[in-house]
Amino acid sequence: MNKMFTKEDVTKLAFKIYKENQSVEKSVWRLAELCVTINNNIKDGFDIKPLETDNLILLLRDDVNGQLIPPSKNEIKKVAEIIYHENPSRSQINWYIAEKHLLLEEIKNIISNRN
């Protein structure tokens, strides 16, 4: 299996996201969407907090077969509200979007290599 992403990878992507200059609302929604997608596809996924760094061995759920289980708009909305009320800084949001994006890419790779 290929190596997990590095802190440098997250930093580069976070800077790229910063340069996109999205609104806070769009950024929070994007972070929530990434978190819920990850949570839906791994065992104990809801132990992952949106504003925390996770260094974990990914255990895909048994019912994940060939493609990601997508989140519902309602699930995303709930998580977005939680994130919004935590009032994270812009740089925190960008960092966690980058981290969760890279984590989701790892999950996609595992799923595609499973078949």
PDB file of N, CA and C in Angstrom:
ATOM      1  N   MET A   1       0.834  -1.192   0.000  1.00  0.00           N
ATOM      2  CA  MET A   1       0.000   0.000   0.000  1.00  0.00           C
ATOM      3  C   MET A   1       0.874   1.249   0.000  1.00  0.00           C
ATOM      4  N   ASN A   2       0.418   2.282  -0.706  1.00  0.00           N
ATOM      5  CA  ASN A   2       1.225   3.501  -0.761  1.00  0.00           C
ATOM      6  C   ASN A   2       1.210   4.231   0.575  1.00  0.00           C
ATOM      7  N   LYS A   3       2.184   5.093   0.774  1.00  0.00           N
ATOM      8  CA  LYS A   3       2.299   5.772   2.065  1.00  0.00           C
ATOM      9  C   LYS A   3       1.195   6.815   2.219  1.00  0.00           C
ATOM     10  N   MET A   4       0.837   7.034   3.458  1.00  0.00           N
ATOM     11  CA  MET A   4      -0.165   8.057   3.745  1.00  0.00           C
ATOM     12  C   MET A   4       0.439   9.426   3.420  1.00  0.00           C
ATOM     13  N   PHE A   5      -0.408  10.406   3.298  1.00  0.00           N
ATOM     14  CA  PHE A   5       0.059  11.758   3.003  1.00  0.00           C
ATOM     15  C   PHE A   5       0.830  12.343   4.185  1.00  0.00           C
ATOM     16  N   THR A   6       1.631  13.350   3.885  1.00  0.00           N
ATOM     17  CA  THR A   6       2.472  13.978   4.904  1.00  0.00           C
ATOM     18  C   THR A   6       1.895  15.338   5.310  1.00  0.00           C
ATOM     19  N   LYS A   7       2.455  15.879   6.369  1.00  0.00           N
ATOM     20  CA  LYS A   7       2.068  17.211   6.835  1.00  0.00           C
ATOM     21  C   LYS A   7       2.337  18.239   5.728  1.00  0.00           C
ATOM     22  N   GLU A   8       3.419  18.035   4.995  1.00  0.00           N
ATOM     23  CA  GLU A   8       3.769  18.930   3.889  1.00  0.00           C
ATOM     24  C   GLU A   8       2.683  18.907   2.801  1.00  0.00           C
ATOM     25  N   ASP A   9       2.153  17.715   2.512  1.00  0.00           N
ATOM     26  CA  ASP A   9       1.073  17.590   1.530  1.00  0.00           C
ATOM     27  C   ASP A   9      -0.143  18.410   1.977  1.00  0.00           C
ATOM     28  N   VAL A  10      -0.460  18.301   3.262  1.00  0.00           N
ATOM     29  CA  VAL A  10      -1.614  19.028   3.808  1.00  0.00           C
ATOM     30  C   VAL A  10      -1.358  20.533   3.724  1.00  0.00           C
ATOM     31  N   THR A  11      -0.156  20.956   4.086  1.00  0.00           N
ATOM     32  CA  THR A  11       0.194  22.377   4.055  1.00  0.00           C
ATOM     33  C   THR A  11       0.060  22.947   2.647  1.00  0.00           C
ATOM     34  N   LYS A  12       0.581  22.223   1.658  1.00  0.00           N
ATOM     35  CA  LYS A  12       0.493  22.690   0.260  1.00  0.00           C
ATOM     36  C   LYS A  12      -0.956  22.833  -0.187  1.00  0.00           C
ATOM     37  N   LEU A  13      -1.754  21.810   0.105  1.00  0.00           N
ATOM     38  CA  LEU A  13      -3.154  21.838  -0.301  1.00  0.00           C
ATOM     39  C   LEU A  13      -3.927  22.923   0.453  1.00  0.00           C
ATOM     40  N   ALA A  14      -3.637  23.096   1.729  1.00  0.00           N
ATOM     41  CA  ALA A  14      -4.308  24.138   2.524  1.00  0.00           C
ATOM     42  C   ALA A  14      -4.019  25.524   1.934  1.00  0.00           C
ATOM     43  N   PHE A  15      -2.794  25.736   1.478  1.00  0.00           N
ATOM     44  CA  PHE A  15      -2.443  27.019   0.867  1.00  0.00           C
ATOM     45  C   PHE A  15      -3.201  27.222  -0.439  1.00  0.00           C
ATOM     46  N   LYS A  16      -3.320  26.159  -1.213  1.00  0.00           N
ATOM     47  CA  LYS A  16      -4.070  26.211  -2.468  1.00  0.00           C
ATOM     48  C   LYS A  16      -5.538  26.566  -2.192  1.00  0.00           C
ATOM     49  N   ILE A  17      -6.098  25.947  -1.161  1.00  0.00           N
ATOM     50  CA  ILE A  17      -7.484  26.213  -0.768  1.00  0.00           C
ATOM     51  C   ILE A  17      -7.617  27.668  -0.299  1.00  0.00           C
ATOM     52  N   TYR A  18      -6.639  28.140   0.461  1.00  0.00           N
ATOM     53  CA  TYR A  18      -6.625  29.524   0.926  1.00  0.00           C
ATOM     54  C   TYR A  18      -6.686  30.494  -0.258  1.00  0.00           C
ATOM     55  N   LYS A  19      -5.928  30.179  -1.318  1.00  0.00           N
ATOM     56  CA  LYS A  19      -5.880  31.061  -2.495  1.00  0.00           C
ATOM     57  C   LYS A  19      -7.201  31.059  -3.274  1.00  0.00           C
ATOM     58  N   GLU A  20      -8.025  30.010  -3.105  1.00  0.00           N
ATOM     59  CA  GLU A  20      -9.334  29.968  -3.761  1.00  0.00           C
ATOM     60  C   GLU A  20     -10.268  31.037  -3.183  1.00  0.00           C
ATOM     61  N   ASN A  21      -9.988  31.442  -1.939  1.00  0.00           N
ATOM     62  CA  ASN A  21     -10.721  32.526  -1.279  1.00  0.00           C
ATOM     63  C   ASN A  21     -12.237  32.302  -1.247  1.00  0.00           C
ATOM     64  N   GLN A  22     -12.655  31.121  -0.862  1.00  0.00           N
ATOM     65  CA  GLN A  22     -14.078  30.802  -0.724  1.00  0.00           C
ATOM     66  C   GLN A  22     -14.663  31.525   0.492  1.00  0.00           C
ATOM     67  N   SER A  23     -15.976  31.697   0.509  1.00  0.00           N
ATOM     68  CA  SER A  23     -16.632  32.266   1.687  1.00  0.00           C
ATOM     69  C   SER A  23     -16.518  31.264   2.838  1.00  0.00           C
ATOM     70  N   VAL A  24     -16.638  31.771   4.063  1.00  0.00           N
ATOM     71  CA  VAL A  24     -16.578  30.895   5.237  1.00  0.00           C
ATOM     72  C   VAL A  24     -17.685  29.844   5.148  1.00  0.00           C
ATOM     73  N   GLU A  25     -18.869  30.257   4.725  1.00  0.00           N
ATOM     74  CA  GLU A  25     -20.000  29.325   4.621  1.00  0.00           C
ATOM     75  C   GLU A  25     -19.684  28.174   3.660  1.00  0.00           C
ATOM     76  N   LYS A  26     -19.139  28.513   2.488  1.00  0.00           N
ATOM     77  CA  LYS A  26     -18.795  27.469   1.508  1.00  0.00           C
ATOM     78  C   LYS A  26     -17.705  26.556   2.048  1.00  0.00           C
ATOM     79  N   SER A  27     -16.730  27.137   2.727  1.00  0.00           N
ATOM     80  CA  SER A  27     -15.628  26.352   3.281  1.00  0.00           C
ATOM     81  C   SER A  27     -16.120  25.403   4.371  1.00  0.00           C
ATOM     82  N   VAL A  28     -16.993  25.907   5.250  1.00  0.00           N
ATOM     83  CA  VAL A  28     -17.538  25.075   6.321  1.00  0.00           C
ATOM     84  C   VAL A  28     -18.352  23.930   5.720  1.00  0.00           C
ATOM     85  N   TRP A  29     -19.147  24.244   4.689  1.00  0.00           N
ATOM     86  CA  TRP A  29     -19.956  23.208   4.025  1.00  0.00           C
ATOM     87  C   TRP A  29     -19.045  22.146   3.412  1.00  0.00           C
ATOM     88  N   ARG A  30     -17.970  22.590   2.757  1.00  0.00           N
ATOM     89  CA  ARG A  30     -17.030  21.665   2.120  1.00  0.00           C
ATOM     90  C   ARG A  30     -16.381  20.752   3.149  1.00  0.00           C
ATOM     91  N   LEU A  31     -15.982  21.327   4.288  1.00  0.00           N
ATOM     92  CA  LEU A  31     -15.377  20.535   5.358  1.00  0.00           C
ATOM     93  C   LEU A  31     -16.388  19.529   5.905  1.00  0.00           C
ATOM     94  N   ALA A  32     -17.607  19.978   6.130  1.00  0.00           N
ATOM     95  CA  ALA A  32     -18.652  19.091   6.647  1.00  0.00           C
ATOM     96  C   ALA A  32     -18.909  17.937   5.675  1.00  0.00           C
ATOM     97  N   GLU A  33     -18.971  18.264   4.387  1.00  0.00           N
ATOM     98  CA  GLU A  33     -19.217  17.248   3.363  1.00  0.00           C
ATOM     99  C   GLU A  33     -18.110  16.196   3.360  1.00  0.00           C
ATOM    100  N   LEU A  34     -16.869  16.644   3.455  1.00  0.00           N
ATOM    101  CA  LEU A  34     -15.736  15.706   3.503  1.00  0.00           C
ATOM    102  C   LEU A  34     -15.820  14.817   4.743  1.00  0.00           C
ATOM    103  N   CYS A  35     -16.115  15.429   5.888  1.00  0.00           N
ATOM    104  CA  CYS A  35     -16.185  14.663   7.138  1.00  0.00           C
ATOM    105  C   CYS A  35     -17.277  13.611   7.100  1.00  0.00           C
ATOM    106  N   VAL A  36     -18.457  14.002   6.647  1.00  0.00           N
ATOM    107  CA  VAL A  36     -19.582  13.057   6.609  1.00  0.00           C
ATOM    108  C   VAL A  36     -19.308  11.937   5.610  1.00  0.00           C
ATOM    109  N   THR A  37     -18.707  12.255   4.488  1.00  0.00           N
ATOM    110  CA  THR A  37     -18.369  11.222   3.501  1.00  0.00           C
ATOM    111  C   THR A  37     -17.389  10.224   4.110  1.00  0.00           C
ATOM    112  N   ILE A  38     -16.365  10.724   4.776  1.00  0.00           N
ATOM    113  CA  ILE A  38     -15.398   9.841   5.435  1.00  0.00           C
ATOM    114  C   ILE A  38     -16.114   8.992   6.486  1.00  0.00           C
ATOM    115  N   ASN A  39     -16.913   9.655   7.316  1.00  0.00           N
ATOM    116  CA  ASN A  39     -17.617   8.957   8.394  1.00  0.00           C
ATOM    117  C   ASN A  39     -18.518   7.851   7.874  1.00  0.00           C
ATOM    118  N   ASN A  40     -19.150   8.076   6.725  1.00  0.00           N
ATOM    119  CA  ASN A  40     -20.056   7.086   6.158  1.00  0.00           C
ATOM    120  C   ASN A  40     -19.338   5.864   5.615  1.00  0.00           C
ATOM    121  N   ASN A  41     -18.049   5.954   5.426  1.00  0.00           N
ATOM    122  CA  ASN A  41     -17.335   4.896   4.721  1.00  0.00           C
ATOM    123  C   ASN A  41     -16.318   4.121   5.550  1.00  0.00           C
ATOM    124  N   ILE A  42     -16.105   4.519   6.796  1.00  0.00           N
ATOM    125  CA  ILE A  42     -15.174   3.750   7.620  1.00  0.00           C
ATOM    126  C   ILE A  42     -15.835   3.347   8.931  1.00  0.00           C
ATOM    127  N   LYS A  43     -15.342   2.258   9.501  1.00  0.00           N
ATOM    128  CA  LYS A  43     -15.857   1.787  10.786  1.00  0.00           C
ATOM    129  C   LYS A  43     -15.533   2.820  11.850  1.00  0.00           C
ATOM    130  N   ASP A  44     -16.459   3.063  12.741  1.00  0.00           N
ATOM    131  CA  ASP A  44     -16.292   4.051  13.812  1.00  0.00           C
ATOM    132  C   ASP A  44     -15.977   5.434  13.257  1.00  0.00           C
ATOM    133  N   GLY A  45     -16.456   5.720  12.059  1.00  0.00           N
ATOM    134  CA  GLY A  45     -16.157   6.993  11.413  1.00  0.00           C
ATOM    135  C   GLY A  45     -16.630   8.194  12.187  1.00  0.00           C
ATOM    136  N   PHE A  46     -17.701   8.026  12.954  1.00  0.00           N
ATOM    137  CA  PHE A  46     -18.223   9.184  13.663  1.00  0.00           C
ATOM    138  C   PHE A  46     -17.411   9.534  14.897  1.00  0.00           C
ATOM    139  N   ASP A  47     -16.332   8.774  15.134  1.00  0.00           N
ATOM    140  CA  ASP A  47     -15.375   9.163  16.175  1.00  0.00           C
ATOM    141  C   ASP A  47     -14.444  10.249  15.655  1.00  0.00           C
ATOM    142  N   ILE A  48     -14.436  10.455  14.334  1.00  0.00           N
ATOM    143  CA  ILE A  48     -13.578  11.474  13.735  1.00  0.00           C
ATOM    144  C   ILE A  48     -14.252  12.826  13.883  1.00  0.00           C
ATOM    145  N   LYS A  49     -13.563  13.759  14.486  1.00  0.00           N
ATOM    146  CA  LYS A  49     -14.118  15.099  14.689  1.00  0.00           C
ATOM    147  C   LYS A  49     -13.652  16.010  13.560  1.00  0.00           C
ATOM    148  N   PRO A  50     -14.544  16.906  13.070  1.00  0.00           N
ATOM    149  CA  PRO A  50     -14.180  17.777  11.946  1.00  0.00           C
ATOM    150  C   PRO A  50     -12.958  18.645  12.217  1.00  0.00           C
ATOM    151  N   LEU A  51     -12.797  19.108  13.461  1.00  0.00           N
ATOM    152  CA  LEU A  51     -11.709  20.035  13.750  1.00  0.00           C
ATOM    153  C   LEU A  51     -10.616  19.371  14.578  1.00  0.00           C
ATOM    154  N   GLU A  52     -10.319  18.136  14.225  1.00  0.00           N
ATOM    155  CA  GLU A  52      -9.212  17.434  14.861  1.00  0.00           C
ATOM    156  C   GLU A  52      -8.382  16.762  13.787  1.00  0.00           C
ATOM    157  N   THR A  53      -7.119  16.574  14.098  1.00  0.00           N
ATOM    158  CA  THR A  53      -6.249  15.853  13.189  1.00  0.00           C
ATOM    159  C   THR A  53      -6.330  14.386  13.540  1.00  0.00           C
ATOM    160  N   ASP A  54      -6.455  13.557  12.527  1.00  0.00           N
ATOM    161  CA  ASP A  54      -6.583  12.125  12.761  1.00  0.00           C
ATOM    162  C   ASP A  54      -5.420  11.386  12.134  1.00  0.00           C
ATOM    163  N   ASN A  55      -4.778  10.576  12.927  1.00  0.00           N
ATOM    164  CA  ASN A  55      -3.739   9.701  12.415  1.00  0.00           C
ATOM    165  C   ASN A  55      -4.252   8.302  12.698  1.00  0.00           C
ATOM    166  N   LEU A  56      -4.948   7.720  11.725  1.00  0.00           N
ATOM    167  CA  LEU A  56      -5.613   6.469  11.993  1.00  0.00           C
ATOM    168  C   LEU A  56      -5.408   5.473  10.883  1.00  0.00           C
ATOM    169  N   ILE A  57      -5.528   4.236  11.239  1.00  0.00           N
ATOM    170  CA  ILE A  57      -5.509   3.177  10.236  1.00  0.00           C
ATOM    171  C   ILE A  57      -6.935   3.065   9.747  1.00  0.00           C
ATOM    172  N   LEU A  58      -7.112   3.220   8.458  1.00  0.00           N
ATOM    173  CA  LEU A  58      -8.464   3.216   7.918  1.00  0.00           C
ATOM    174  C   LEU A  58      -9.016   1.803   7.827  1.00  0.00           C
ATOM    175  N   LEU A  59     -10.165   1.637   8.406  1.00  0.00           N
ATOM    176  CA  LEU A  59     -10.877   0.368   8.292  1.00  0.00           C
ATOM    177  C   LEU A  59     -12.168   0.649   7.552  1.00  0.00           C
ATOM    178  N   LEU A  60     -12.216   0.245   6.309  1.00  0.00           N
ATOM    179  CA  LEU A  60     -13.424   0.475   5.530  1.00  0.00           C
ATOM    180  C   LEU A  60     -14.546  -0.404   6.039  1.00  0.00           C
ATOM    181  N   ARG A  61     -15.732   0.142   5.989  1.00  0.00           N
ATOM    182  CA  ARG A  61     -16.890  -0.654   6.358  1.00  0.00           C
ATOM    183  C   ARG A  61     -17.066  -1.785   5.348  1.00  0.00           C
ATOM    184  N   ASP A  62     -17.621  -2.873   5.799  1.00  0.00           N
ATOM    185  CA  ASP A  62     -17.802  -4.044   4.933  1.00  0.00           C
ATOM    186  C   ASP A  62     -18.769  -3.777   3.791  1.00  0.00           C
ATOM    187  N   ASP A  63     -19.716  -2.861   3.996  1.00  0.00           N
ATOM    188  CA  ASP A  63     -20.707  -2.592   2.954  1.00  0.00           C
ATOM    189  C   ASP A  63     -20.231  -1.565   1.922  1.00  0.00           C
ATOM    190  N   VAL A  64     -19.001  -1.067   2.084  1.00  0.00           N
ATOM    191  CA  VAL A  64     -18.431  -0.177   1.079  1.00  0.00           C
ATOM    192  C   VAL A  64     -17.853  -1.079  -0.001  1.00  0.00           C
ATOM    193  N   ASN A  65     -18.479  -1.042  -1.166  1.00  0.00           N
ATOM    194  CA  ASN A  65     -18.093  -1.996  -2.192  1.00  0.00           C
ATOM    195  C   ASN A  65     -17.949  -1.296  -3.533  1.00  0.00           C
ATOM    196  N   GLY A  66     -16.735  -0.914  -3.859  1.00  0.00           N
ATOM    197  CA  GLY A  66     -16.483  -0.347  -5.176  1.00  0.00           C
ATOM    198  C   GLY A  66     -16.628   1.149  -5.284  1.00  0.00           C
ATOM    199  N   GLN A  67     -17.461   1.740  -4.429  1.00  0.00           N
ATOM    200  CA  GLN A  67     -17.556   3.203  -4.461  1.00  0.00           C
ATOM    201  C   GLN A  67     -18.000   3.745  -3.116  1.00  0.00           C
ATOM    202  N   LEU A  68     -17.757   5.027  -2.930  1.00  0.00           N
ATOM    203  CA  LEU A  68     -18.079   5.682  -1.665  1.00  0.00           C
ATOM    204  C   LEU A  68     -19.580   5.702  -1.411  1.00  0.00           C
ATOM    205  N   ILE A  69     -19.939   5.609  -0.134  1.00  0.00           N
ATOM    206  CA  ILE A  69     -21.323   5.812   0.272  1.00  0.00           C
ATOM    207  C   ILE A  69     -21.479   7.327   0.464  1.00  0.00           C
ATOM    208  N   PRO A  70     -22.302   7.970  -0.362  1.00  0.00           N
ATOM    209  CA  PRO A  70     -22.409   9.437  -0.276  1.00  0.00           C
ATOM    210  C   PRO A  70     -23.238   9.892   0.921  1.00  0.00           C
ATOM    211  N   PRO A  71     -22.951  11.079   1.431  1.00  0.00           N
ATOM    212  CA  PRO A  71     -23.722  11.616   2.552  1.00  0.00           C
ATOM    213  C   PRO A  71     -25.014  12.273   2.062  1.00  0.00           C
ATOM    214  N   SER A  72     -25.979  12.411   2.965  1.00  0.00           N
ATOM    215  CA  SER A  72     -27.188  13.152   2.620  1.00  0.00           C
ATOM    216  C   SER A  72     -26.951  14.633   2.935  1.00  0.00           C
ATOM    217  N   LYS A  73     -27.721  15.490   2.288  1.00  0.00           N
ATOM    218  CA  LYS A  73     -27.612  16.938   2.540  1.00  0.00           C
ATOM    219  C   LYS A  73     -27.884  17.230   4.018  1.00  0.00           C
ATOM    220  N   ASN A  74     -28.808  16.491   4.605  1.00  0.00           N
ATOM    221  CA  ASN A  74     -29.165  16.706   5.997  1.00  0.00           C
ATOM    222  C   ASN A  74     -28.001  16.393   6.936  1.00  0.00           C
ATOM    223  N   GLU A  75     -27.284  15.289   6.652  1.00  0.00           N
ATOM    224  CA  GLU A  75     -26.113  14.931   7.459  1.00  0.00           C
ATOM    225  C   GLU A  75     -25.049  16.025   7.359  1.00  0.00           C
ATOM    226  N   ILE A  76     -24.827  16.510   6.142  1.00  0.00           N
ATOM    227  CA  ILE A  76     -23.820  17.556   5.922  1.00  0.00           C
ATOM    228  C   ILE A  76     -24.222  18.818   6.687  1.00  0.00           C
ATOM    229  N   LYS A  77     -25.497  19.172   6.607  1.00  0.00           N
ATOM    230  CA  LYS A  77     -26.000  20.387   7.269  1.00  0.00           C
ATOM    231  C   LYS A  77     -25.762  20.324   8.781  1.00  0.00           C
ATOM    232  N   LYS A  78     -26.033  19.172   9.388  1.00  0.00           N
ATOM    233  CA  LYS A  78     -25.837  19.016  10.839  1.00  0.00           C
ATOM    234  C   LYS A  78     -24.376  19.240  11.215  1.00  0.00           C
ATOM    235  N   VAL A  79     -23.471  18.618  10.465  1.00  0.00           N
ATOM    236  CA  VAL A  79     -22.043  18.750  10.765  1.00  0.00           C
ATOM    237  C   VAL A  79     -21.571  20.175  10.488  1.00  0.00           C
ATOM    238  N   ALA A  80     -22.068  20.793   9.420  1.00  0.00           N
ATOM    239  CA  ALA A  80     -21.702  22.175   9.093  1.00  0.00           C
ATOM    240  C   ALA A  80     -22.098  23.113  10.232  1.00  0.00           C
ATOM    241  N   GLU A  81     -23.266  22.885  10.825  1.00  0.00           N
ATOM    242  CA  GLU A  81     -23.713  23.731  11.938  1.00  0.00           C
ATOM    243  C   GLU A  81     -22.803  23.572  13.147  1.00  0.00           C
ATOM    244  N   ILE A  82     -22.387  22.337  13.413  1.00  0.00           N
ATOM    245  CA  ILE A  82     -21.467  22.078  14.537  1.00  0.00           C
ATOM    246  C   ILE A  82     -20.149  22.813  14.309  1.00  0.00           C
ATOM    247  N   ILE A  83     -19.609  22.683  13.099  1.00  0.00           N
ATOM    248  CA  ILE A  83     -18.334  23.345  12.765  1.00  0.00           C
ATOM    249  C   ILE A  83     -18.489  24.854  12.900  1.00  0.00           C
ATOM    250  N   TYR A  84     -19.562  25.378  12.339  1.00  0.00           N
ATOM    251  CA  TYR A  84     -19.795  26.830  12.345  1.00  0.00           C
ATOM    252  C   TYR A  84     -19.847  27.363  13.776  1.00  0.00           C
ATOM    253  N   HIS A  85     -20.501  26.623  14.676  1.00  0.00           N
ATOM    254  CA  HIS A  85     -20.613  27.070  16.071  1.00  0.00           C
ATOM    255  C   HIS A  85     -19.309  26.959  16.836  1.00  0.00           C
ATOM    256  N   GLU A  86     -18.389  26.151  16.344  1.00  0.00           N
ATOM    257  CA  GLU A  86     -17.057  26.060  16.970  1.00  0.00           C
ATOM    258  C   GLU A  86     -16.226  27.301  16.620  1.00  0.00           C
ATOM    259  N   ASN A  87     -16.678  28.036  15.625  1.00  0.00           N
ATOM    260  CA  ASN A  87     -16.043  29.283  15.199  1.00  0.00           C
ATOM    261  C   ASN A  87     -14.539  29.144  14.908  1.00  0.00           C
ATOM    262  N   PRO A  88     -14.172  28.190  14.034  1.00  0.00           N
ATOM    263  CA  PRO A  88     -12.752  28.004  13.722  1.00  0.00           C
ATOM    264  C   PRO A  88     -12.210  29.163  12.875  1.00  0.00           C
ATOM    265  N   SER A  89     -10.918  29.364  12.958  1.00  0.00           N
ATOM    266  CA  SER A  89     -10.294  30.392  12.128  1.00  0.00           C
ATOM    267  C   SER A  89     -10.284  29.929  10.674  1.00  0.00           C
ATOM    268  N   ARG A  90     -10.095  30.883   9.790  1.00  0.00           N
ATOM    269  CA  ARG A  90     -10.022  30.589   8.358  1.00  0.00           C
ATOM    270  C   ARG A  90      -8.911  29.577   8.058  1.00  0.00           C
ATOM    271  N   SER A  91      -7.751  29.775   8.683  1.00  0.00           N
ATOM    272  CA  SER A  91      -6.626  28.870   8.419  1.00  0.00           C
ATOM    273  C   SER A  91      -6.913  27.463   8.956  1.00  0.00           C
ATOM    274  N   GLN A  92      -7.620  27.367  10.087  1.00  0.00           N
ATOM    275  CA  GLN A  92      -7.996  26.049  10.609  1.00  0.00           C
ATOM    276  C   GLN A  92      -8.914  25.330   9.624  1.00  0.00           C
ATOM    277  N   ILE A  93      -9.905  26.047   9.123  1.00  0.00           N
ATOM    278  CA  ILE A  93     -10.846  25.451   8.172  1.00  0.00           C
ATOM    279  C   ILE A  93     -10.090  24.940   6.947  1.00  0.00           C
ATOM    280  N   ASN A  94      -9.205  25.780   6.391  1.00  0.00           N
ATOM    281  CA  ASN A  94      -8.435  25.388   5.203  1.00  0.00           C
ATOM    282  C   ASN A  94      -7.581  24.153   5.483  1.00  0.00           C
ATOM    283  N   TRP A  95      -6.944  24.129   6.645  1.00  0.00           N
ATOM    284  CA  TRP A  95      -6.092  23.006   7.026  1.00  0.00           C
ATOM    285  C   TRP A  95      -6.911  21.714   7.089  1.00  0.00           C
ATOM    286  N   TYR A  96      -8.056  21.766   7.757  1.00  0.00           N
ATOM    287  CA  TYR A  96      -8.857  20.553   7.924  1.00  0.00           C
ATOM    288  C   TYR A  96      -9.518  20.122   6.617  1.00  0.00           C
ATOM    289  N   ILE A  97      -9.871  21.066   5.763  1.00  0.00           N
ATOM    290  CA  ILE A  97     -10.381  20.695   4.436  1.00  0.00           C
ATOM    291  C   ILE A  97      -9.290  19.925   3.690  1.00  0.00           C
ATOM    292  N   ALA A  98      -8.076  20.459   3.721  1.00  0.00           N
ATOM    293  CA  ALA A  98      -6.955  19.803   3.023  1.00  0.00           C
ATOM    294  C   ALA A  98      -6.720  18.409   3.588  1.00  0.00           C
ATOM    295  N   GLU A  99      -6.688  18.326   4.910  1.00  0.00           N
ATOM    296  CA  GLU A  99      -6.428  17.039   5.553  1.00  0.00           C
ATOM    297  C   GLU A  99      -7.522  16.013   5.220  1.00  0.00           C
ATOM    298  N   LYS A 100      -8.771  16.419   5.351  1.00  0.00           N
ATOM    299  CA  LYS A 100      -9.881  15.486   5.094  1.00  0.00           C
ATOM    300  C   LYS A 100      -9.940  15.119   3.612  1.00  0.00           C
ATOM    301  N   HIS A 101      -9.591  16.073   2.738  1.00  0.00           N
ATOM    302  CA  HIS A 101      -9.560  15.785   1.298  1.00  0.00           C
ATOM    303  C   HIS A 101      -8.536  14.681   1.003  1.00  0.00           C
ATOM    304  N   LEU A 102      -7.352  14.818   1.574  1.00  0.00           N
ATOM    305  CA  LEU A 102      -6.302  13.820   1.350  1.00  0.00           C
ATOM    306  C   LEU A 102      -6.677  12.481   1.972  1.00  0.00           C
ATOM    307  N   LEU A 103      -7.322  12.526   3.125  1.00  0.00           N
ATOM    308  CA  LEU A 103      -7.779  11.306   3.777  1.00  0.00           C
ATOM    309  C   LEU A 103      -8.823  10.598   2.912  1.00  0.00           C
ATOM    310  N   LEU A 104      -9.727  11.378   2.337  1.00  0.00           N
ATOM    311  CA  LEU A 104     -10.756  10.806   1.464  1.00  0.00           C
ATOM    312  C   LEU A 104     -10.133  10.200   0.200  1.00  0.00           C
ATOM    313  N   GLU A 105      -9.080  10.837  -0.319  1.00  0.00           N
ATOM    314  CA  GLU A 105      -8.374  10.266  -1.473  1.00  0.00           C
ATOM    315  C   GLU A 105      -7.776   8.902  -1.120  1.00  0.00           C
ATOM    316  N   GLU A 106      -7.237   8.786   0.102  1.00  0.00           N
ATOM    317  CA  GLU A 106      -6.698   7.497   0.561  1.00  0.00           C
ATOM    318  C   GLU A 106      -7.809   6.449   0.592  1.00  0.00           C
ATOM    319  N   ILE A 107      -8.974   6.836   1.105  1.00  0.00           N
ATOM    320  CA  ILE A 107     -10.111   5.911   1.179  1.00  0.00           C
ATOM    321  C   ILE A 107     -10.512   5.467  -0.225  1.00  0.00           C
ATOM    322  N   LYS A 108     -10.575   6.431  -1.159  1.00  0.00           N
ATOM    323  CA  LYS A 108     -10.929   6.094  -2.547  1.00  0.00           C
ATOM    324  C   LYS A 108      -9.927   5.113  -3.137  1.00  0.00           C
ATOM    325  N   ASN A 109      -8.633   5.323  -2.858  1.00  0.00           N
ATOM    326  CA  ASN A 109      -7.599   4.407  -3.360  1.00  0.00           C
ATOM    327  C   ASN A 109      -7.786   3.004  -2.798  1.00  0.00           C
ATOM    328  N   ILE A 110      -8.080   2.932  -1.513  1.00  0.00           N
ATOM    329  CA  ILE A 110      -8.282   1.631  -0.877  1.00  0.00           C
ATOM    330  C   ILE A 110      -9.491   0.935  -1.506  1.00  0.00           C
ATOM    331  N   ILE A 111     -10.572   1.683  -1.707  1.00  0.00           N
ATOM    332  CA  ILE A 111     -11.786   1.108  -2.298  1.00  0.00           C
ATOM    333  C   ILE A 111     -11.488   0.580  -3.700  1.00  0.00           C
ATOM    334  N   SER A 112     -10.800   1.384  -4.518  1.00  0.00           N
ATOM    335  CA  SER A 112     -10.544   0.959  -5.895  1.00  0.00           C
ATOM    336  C   SER A 112      -9.567  -0.216  -5.967  1.00  0.00           C
ATOM    337  N   ASN A 113      -8.669  -0.319  -4.982  1.00  0.00           N
ATOM    338  CA  ASN A 113      -7.725  -1.438  -4.966  1.00  0.00           C
ATOM    339  C   ASN A 113      -8.314  -2.707  -4.358  1.00  0.00           C
ATOM    340  N   ARG A 114      -9.468  -2.567  -3.750  1.00  0.00           N
ATOM    341  CA  ARG A 114     -10.144  -3.691  -3.115  1.00  0.00           C
ATOM    342  C   ARG A 114     -10.736  -4.645  -4.138  1.00  0.00           C
ATOM    343  N   ASN A 115     -11.125  -4.114  -5.272  1.00  0.00           N
ATOM    344  CA  ASN A 115     -11.847  -4.923  -6.277  1.00  0.00           C
ATOM    345  C   ASN A 115     -10.902  -5.712  -7.157  1.00  0.00           C
TER     346      ASN A 115
END
